[in-house]
Amino acid sequence: SLSPPCGIESIMHPQHGNNPSSCHRHSSSSSFDGGNDEEGPRKPLHDESEEDEIESLNRKQTATETATATAKLNRTKRLANKFLDSNGTITFMSFITVYALYGDDVRIIAFQPNVD
């Protein structure tokens, strides 16, 4: 749970009074700072160089994965363009377009109304 600053704590918890040494935040057994009573920055709990090395490896791995994914995407795009630009695909799509535009007109002209 969060605890208020020591000055407010003495108001909220009269058993502390005005003595900051009775406050858990100033005791030498505090788990917050590892029992370090001296002023100054705390020592890191982990080695920062190890963290930087891991981050660097992650960046390299991400760059490699990105390059691989880009290469696969480019290959897929080339194959799709090759398929769509082929003579067979263009001919087929042309027949579909002509049928969609004129198929119903041909049906009306070519067949008797009772055939519907």
N, C-alpha and C. Protein backbone atom coordinates (compact mmCIF):
# COMPACT_ATOMS: atom_id res chain seq x y z
N SER A 1 0.84 -1.19 0.00
CA SER A 1 0.00 0.00 0.00
C SER A 1 0.87 1.24 0.00
N LEU A 2 0.37 2.31 -0.51
CA LEU A 2 1.11 3.56 -0.56
C LEU A 2 1.03 4.24 0.79
N SER A 3 2.14 4.79 1.20
CA SER A 3 2.15 5.50 2.48
C SER A 3 2.44 6.97 2.23
N PRO A 4 1.85 7.85 3.00
CA PRO A 4 2.06 9.28 2.80
C PRO A 4 3.44 9.69 3.32
N PRO A 5 3.90 10.89 2.99
CA PRO A 5 5.17 11.38 3.51
C PRO A 5 5.15 11.40 5.03
N CYS A 6 6.33 11.38 5.65
CA CYS A 6 6.44 11.24 7.10
C CYS A 6 5.73 12.35 7.86
N GLY A 7 5.75 13.57 7.34
CA GLY A 7 5.08 14.66 8.04
C GLY A 7 3.58 14.42 8.15
N ILE A 8 2.98 13.90 7.09
CA ILE A 8 1.55 13.62 7.10
C ILE A 8 1.28 12.38 7.93
N GLU A 9 2.23 11.43 7.91
CA GLU A 9 2.07 10.20 8.65
C GLU A 9 1.92 10.47 10.15
N SER A 10 2.64 11.48 10.67
CA SER A 10 2.55 11.77 12.09
C SER A 10 1.18 12.31 12.46
N ILE A 11 0.52 12.96 11.49
CA ILE A 11 -0.84 13.43 11.75
C ILE A 11 -1.80 12.27 11.68
N MET A 12 -1.60 11.41 10.69
CA MET A 12 -2.51 10.29 10.50
C MET A 12 -2.27 9.18 11.53
N HIS A 13 -1.02 8.99 11.91
CA HIS A 13 -0.65 7.95 12.88
C HIS A 13 0.07 8.61 14.05
N PRO A 14 -0.65 9.01 15.07
CA PRO A 14 -0.05 9.75 16.17
C PRO A 14 1.04 8.99 16.91
N GLN A 15 1.10 7.65 16.78
CA GLN A 15 2.13 6.91 17.50
C GLN A 15 3.53 7.25 16.99
N HIS A 16 3.66 7.77 15.75
CA HIS A 16 4.96 8.16 15.24
C HIS A 16 5.43 9.48 15.84
N GLY A 17 4.49 10.34 16.16
CA GLY A 17 4.85 11.65 16.71
C GLY A 17 5.65 12.45 15.71
N ASN A 18 6.56 13.26 16.18
CA ASN A 18 7.39 14.07 15.30
C ASN A 18 8.76 13.46 15.09
N ASN A 19 8.96 12.24 15.50
CA ASN A 19 10.25 11.58 15.39
C ASN A 19 10.33 10.82 14.06
N PRO A 20 11.10 11.34 13.10
CA PRO A 20 11.17 10.68 11.80
C PRO A 20 11.85 9.31 11.86
N SER A 21 12.66 9.05 12.89
CA SER A 21 13.34 7.75 12.95
C SER A 21 12.36 6.63 13.26
N SER A 22 11.18 6.96 13.81
CA SER A 22 10.20 5.92 14.08
C SER A 22 9.37 5.60 12.84
N CYS A 23 9.54 6.40 11.82
CA CYS A 23 8.82 6.18 10.57
C CYS A 23 9.47 5.03 9.81
N HIS A 24 8.69 4.16 9.21
CA HIS A 24 9.23 3.02 8.50
C HIS A 24 10.06 3.43 7.28
N ARG A 25 9.84 4.62 6.78
CA ARG A 25 10.59 5.07 5.61
C ARG A 25 12.00 5.51 5.97
N HIS A 26 12.24 5.76 7.28
CA HIS A 26 13.57 6.21 7.71
C HIS A 26 14.31 5.13 8.49
N SER A 27 13.70 3.98 8.67
CA SER A 27 14.37 2.95 9.45
C SER A 27 15.45 2.29 8.62
N SER A 28 16.47 1.77 9.27
CA SER A 28 17.59 1.17 8.55
C SER A 28 17.24 -0.20 8.00
N SER A 29 16.13 -0.78 8.42
CA SER A 29 15.74 -2.10 7.91
C SER A 29 14.75 -1.98 6.77
N SER A 30 14.63 -0.80 6.21
CA SER A 30 13.67 -0.59 5.13
C SER A 30 14.06 -1.42 3.91
N SER A 31 13.12 -2.11 3.33
CA SER A 31 13.39 -2.90 2.14
C SER A 31 13.40 -2.02 0.89
N PHE A 32 12.97 -0.77 1.01
CA PHE A 32 12.90 0.13 -0.13
C PHE A 32 14.29 0.43 -0.68
N ASP A 33 15.23 0.75 0.19
CA ASP A 33 16.57 1.11 -0.27
C ASP A 33 17.62 0.10 0.13
N GLY A 34 17.24 -1.07 0.55
CA GLY A 34 18.20 -2.10 0.89
C GLY A 34 18.93 -1.82 2.18
N GLY A 35 18.39 -0.98 3.07
CA GLY A 35 19.03 -0.68 4.35
C GLY A 35 20.13 0.35 4.24
N ASN A 36 20.20 1.07 3.17
CA ASN A 36 21.24 2.06 2.95
C ASN A 36 20.77 3.39 3.52
N ASP A 37 21.41 3.86 4.62
CA ASP A 37 21.00 5.11 5.26
C ASP A 37 21.68 6.32 4.65
N GLU A 38 22.71 6.12 3.84
CA GLU A 38 23.43 7.28 3.31
C GLU A 38 22.63 7.91 2.18
N GLU A 39 22.79 9.22 2.04
CA GLU A 39 22.09 9.95 0.99
C GLU A 39 22.77 9.68 -0.35
N GLY A 40 22.03 9.85 -1.42
CA GLY A 40 22.59 9.67 -2.74
C GLY A 40 21.75 8.70 -3.54
N PRO A 41 22.13 8.49 -4.80
CA PRO A 41 21.34 7.61 -5.65
C PRO A 41 21.44 6.15 -5.21
N ARG A 42 20.37 5.44 -5.41
CA ARG A 42 20.37 4.02 -5.08
C ARG A 42 21.15 3.24 -6.13
N LYS A 43 21.66 2.11 -5.74
CA LYS A 43 22.35 1.24 -6.68
C LYS A 43 21.29 0.50 -7.51
N PRO A 44 21.53 0.32 -8.80
CA PRO A 44 20.55 -0.39 -9.62
C PRO A 44 20.44 -1.85 -9.17
N LEU A 45 19.26 -2.39 -9.31
CA LEU A 45 19.03 -3.77 -8.92
C LEU A 45 19.50 -4.75 -9.99
N HIS A 46 19.81 -4.26 -11.20
CA HIS A 46 20.27 -5.11 -12.27
C HIS A 46 21.40 -4.43 -13.00
N ASP A 47 22.12 -5.19 -13.77
CA ASP A 47 23.24 -4.67 -14.53
C ASP A 47 22.73 -4.01 -15.81
N GLU A 48 22.95 -2.71 -15.96
CA GLU A 48 22.43 -1.98 -17.12
C GLU A 48 23.10 -2.40 -18.40
N SER A 49 24.39 -2.79 -18.34
CA SER A 49 25.08 -3.19 -19.57
C SER A 49 24.46 -4.46 -20.13
N GLU A 50 24.03 -5.36 -19.26
CA GLU A 50 23.36 -6.59 -19.71
C GLU A 50 22.04 -6.25 -20.39
N GLU A 51 21.30 -5.30 -19.81
CA GLU A 51 20.03 -4.88 -20.40
C GLU A 51 20.25 -4.23 -21.76
N ASP A 52 21.30 -3.40 -21.87
CA ASP A 52 21.61 -2.77 -23.15
C ASP A 52 21.98 -3.81 -24.20
N GLU A 53 22.73 -4.84 -23.80
CA GLU A 53 23.12 -5.90 -24.72
C GLU A 53 21.90 -6.67 -25.22
N ILE A 54 20.98 -6.96 -24.31
CA ILE A 54 19.75 -7.67 -24.69
C ILE A 54 18.94 -6.81 -25.64
N GLU A 55 18.83 -5.52 -25.35
CA GLU A 55 18.08 -4.62 -26.22
C GLU A 55 18.71 -4.55 -27.60
N SER A 56 20.04 -4.52 -27.66
CA SER A 56 20.75 -4.49 -28.93
C SER A 56 20.48 -5.76 -29.74
N LEU A 57 20.50 -6.91 -29.06
CA LEU A 57 20.21 -8.18 -29.74
C LEU A 57 18.78 -8.20 -30.25
N ASN A 58 17.86 -7.67 -29.47
CA ASN A 58 16.46 -7.61 -29.90
C ASN A 58 16.30 -6.73 -31.13
N ARG A 59 17.03 -5.60 -31.15
CA ARG A 59 16.97 -4.71 -32.32
C ARG A 59 17.51 -5.41 -33.56
N LYS A 60 18.63 -6.15 -33.41
CA LYS A 60 19.21 -6.87 -34.54
C LYS A 60 18.25 -7.93 -35.04
N GLN A 61 17.64 -8.67 -34.09
CA GLN A 61 16.70 -9.71 -34.47
C GLN A 61 15.50 -9.10 -35.18
N THR A 62 15.00 -7.98 -34.67
CA THR A 62 13.86 -7.31 -35.28
C THR A 62 14.21 -6.83 -36.69
N ALA A 63 15.41 -6.29 -36.86
CA ALA A 63 15.84 -5.82 -38.19
C ALA A 63 15.93 -6.99 -39.16
N THR A 64 16.45 -8.13 -38.69
CA THR A 64 16.56 -9.31 -39.54
C THR A 64 15.17 -9.82 -39.91
N GLU A 65 14.27 -9.88 -38.94
CA GLU A 65 12.90 -10.34 -39.20
C GLU A 65 12.20 -9.39 -40.18
N THR A 66 12.42 -8.09 -40.02
CA THR A 66 11.81 -7.11 -40.91
C THR A 66 12.33 -7.28 -42.34
N ALA A 67 13.64 -7.49 -42.47
CA ALA A 67 14.22 -7.68 -43.80
C ALA A 67 13.68 -8.95 -44.45
N THR A 68 13.55 -10.02 -43.67
CA THR A 68 13.01 -11.27 -44.20
C THR A 68 11.56 -11.10 -44.62
N ALA A 69 10.76 -10.44 -43.79
CA ALA A 69 9.36 -10.22 -44.10
C ALA A 69 9.21 -9.34 -45.35
N THR A 70 10.07 -8.33 -45.48
CA THR A 70 10.02 -7.45 -46.65
C THR A 70 10.38 -8.23 -47.91
N ALA A 71 11.37 -9.11 -47.82
CA ALA A 71 11.77 -9.92 -48.97
C ALA A 71 10.63 -10.84 -49.39
N LYS A 72 9.95 -11.46 -48.42
CA LYS A 72 8.82 -12.34 -48.73
C LYS A 72 7.68 -11.55 -49.36
N LEU A 73 7.42 -10.36 -48.82
CA LEU A 73 6.35 -9.51 -49.36
C LEU A 73 6.67 -9.09 -50.79
N ASN A 74 7.92 -8.70 -51.04
CA ASN A 74 8.31 -8.30 -52.39
C ASN A 74 8.17 -9.48 -53.36
N ARG A 75 8.54 -10.67 -52.92
CA ARG A 75 8.41 -11.86 -53.77
C ARG A 75 6.93 -12.12 -54.07
N THR A 76 6.08 -12.00 -53.05
CA THR A 76 4.64 -12.21 -53.24
C THR A 76 4.07 -11.18 -54.20
N LYS A 77 4.49 -9.93 -54.07
CA LYS A 77 4.01 -8.87 -54.98
C LYS A 77 4.44 -9.16 -56.41
N ARG A 78 5.69 -9.60 -56.59
CA ARG A 78 6.16 -9.90 -57.94
C ARG A 78 5.35 -11.04 -58.56
N LEU A 79 5.09 -12.10 -57.77
CA LEU A 79 4.31 -13.22 -58.29
C LEU A 79 2.87 -12.80 -58.62
N ALA A 80 2.27 -11.99 -57.76
CA ALA A 80 0.90 -11.52 -58.01
C ALA A 80 0.85 -10.66 -59.27
N ASN A 81 1.80 -9.76 -59.43
CA ASN A 81 1.84 -8.92 -60.63
C ASN A 81 2.07 -9.75 -61.88
N LYS A 82 2.95 -10.75 -61.77
CA LYS A 82 3.22 -11.62 -62.92
C LYS A 82 1.96 -12.37 -63.33
N PHE A 83 1.20 -12.88 -62.32
CA PHE A 83 -0.04 -13.59 -62.61
C PHE A 83 -1.09 -12.66 -63.23
N LEU A 84 -1.27 -11.48 -62.61
CA LEU A 84 -2.30 -10.56 -63.10
C LEU A 84 -1.97 -9.98 -64.47
N ASP A 85 -0.71 -9.85 -64.81
CA ASP A 85 -0.31 -9.29 -66.10
C ASP A 85 -0.16 -10.36 -67.18
N SER A 86 -0.44 -11.63 -66.85
CA SER A 86 -0.29 -12.69 -67.85
C SER A 86 -1.43 -12.61 -68.88
N ASN A 87 -1.15 -13.14 -70.07
CA ASN A 87 -2.13 -13.08 -71.17
C ASN A 87 -3.40 -13.85 -70.81
N GLY A 88 -3.26 -14.99 -70.16
CA GLY A 88 -4.42 -15.80 -69.80
C GLY A 88 -5.36 -15.07 -68.85
N THR A 89 -4.81 -14.43 -67.84
CA THR A 89 -5.64 -13.69 -66.88
C THR A 89 -6.33 -12.51 -67.54
N ILE A 90 -5.61 -11.79 -68.39
CA ILE A 90 -6.21 -10.64 -69.07
C ILE A 90 -7.34 -11.08 -70.00
N THR A 91 -7.14 -12.19 -70.72
CA THR A 91 -8.17 -12.70 -71.63
C THR A 91 -9.41 -13.13 -70.84
N PHE A 92 -9.18 -13.89 -69.76
CA PHE A 92 -10.30 -14.35 -68.93
C PHE A 92 -11.09 -13.17 -68.37
N MET A 93 -10.41 -12.19 -67.81
CA MET A 93 -11.10 -11.03 -67.22
C MET A 93 -11.83 -10.22 -68.30
N SER A 94 -11.29 -10.19 -69.52
CA SER A 94 -11.98 -9.50 -70.62
C SER A 94 -13.29 -10.19 -70.95
N PHE A 95 -13.28 -11.55 -71.02
CA PHE A 95 -14.53 -12.28 -71.28
C PHE A 95 -15.55 -12.05 -70.17
N ILE A 96 -15.10 -12.06 -68.92
CA ILE A 96 -16.01 -11.82 -67.79
C ILE A 96 -16.63 -10.42 -67.89
N THR A 97 -15.83 -9.44 -68.26
CA THR A 97 -16.32 -8.06 -68.38
C THR A 97 -17.36 -7.94 -69.50
N VAL A 98 -17.06 -8.54 -70.65
CA VAL A 98 -18.00 -8.49 -71.77
C VAL A 98 -19.30 -9.19 -71.41
N TYR A 99 -19.23 -10.35 -70.76
CA TYR A 99 -20.43 -11.08 -70.33
C TYR A 99 -21.25 -10.24 -69.34
N ALA A 100 -20.57 -9.58 -68.38
CA ALA A 100 -21.29 -8.77 -67.39
C ALA A 100 -21.99 -7.58 -68.06
N LEU A 101 -21.36 -7.01 -69.09
CA LEU A 101 -21.95 -5.85 -69.75
C LEU A 101 -23.06 -6.22 -70.73
N TYR A 102 -22.87 -7.31 -71.50
CA TYR A 102 -23.79 -7.60 -72.59
C TYR A 102 -24.53 -8.93 -72.45
N GLY A 103 -24.27 -9.72 -71.46
CA GLY A 103 -24.87 -11.04 -71.31
C GLY A 103 -26.38 -11.00 -71.22
N ASP A 104 -26.92 -10.12 -70.45
CA ASP A 104 -28.38 -10.03 -70.29
C ASP A 104 -29.04 -9.58 -71.60
N ASP A 105 -28.40 -8.66 -72.34
CA ASP A 105 -28.95 -8.21 -73.62
C ASP A 105 -28.97 -9.36 -74.63
N VAL A 106 -27.90 -10.16 -74.64
CA VAL A 106 -27.84 -11.32 -75.54
C VAL A 106 -28.92 -12.32 -75.16
N ARG A 107 -29.15 -12.55 -73.89
CA ARG A 107 -30.18 -13.49 -73.43
C ARG A 107 -31.56 -13.04 -73.90
N ILE A 108 -31.85 -11.76 -73.78
CA ILE A 108 -33.16 -11.24 -74.18
C ILE A 108 -33.36 -11.36 -75.69
N ILE A 109 -32.32 -11.07 -76.48
CA ILE A 109 -32.41 -11.11 -77.94
C ILE A 109 -32.46 -12.57 -78.43
N ALA A 110 -31.65 -13.45 -77.85
CA ALA A 110 -31.47 -14.80 -78.40
C ALA A 110 -32.57 -15.76 -77.98
N PHE A 111 -33.22 -15.58 -76.86
CA PHE A 111 -34.17 -16.59 -76.36
C PHE A 111 -35.57 -16.02 -76.27
N GLN A 112 -36.54 -16.95 -76.39
CA GLN A 112 -37.96 -16.58 -76.27
C GLN A 112 -38.30 -16.29 -74.80
N PRO A 113 -39.28 -15.44 -74.54
CA PRO A 113 -39.64 -15.12 -73.15
C PRO A 113 -40.11 -16.32 -72.33
N ASN A 114 -40.69 -17.35 -72.99
CA ASN A 114 -41.14 -18.51 -72.23
C ASN A 114 -40.00 -19.41 -71.76
N VAL A 115 -38.78 -19.19 -72.23
CA VAL A 115 -37.61 -19.97 -71.83
C VAL A 115 -37.12 -19.54 -70.45
N ASP A 116 -37.44 -18.31 -70.06
CA ASP A 116 -37.01 -17.82 -68.74
C ASP A 116 -37.49 -18.78 -67.72
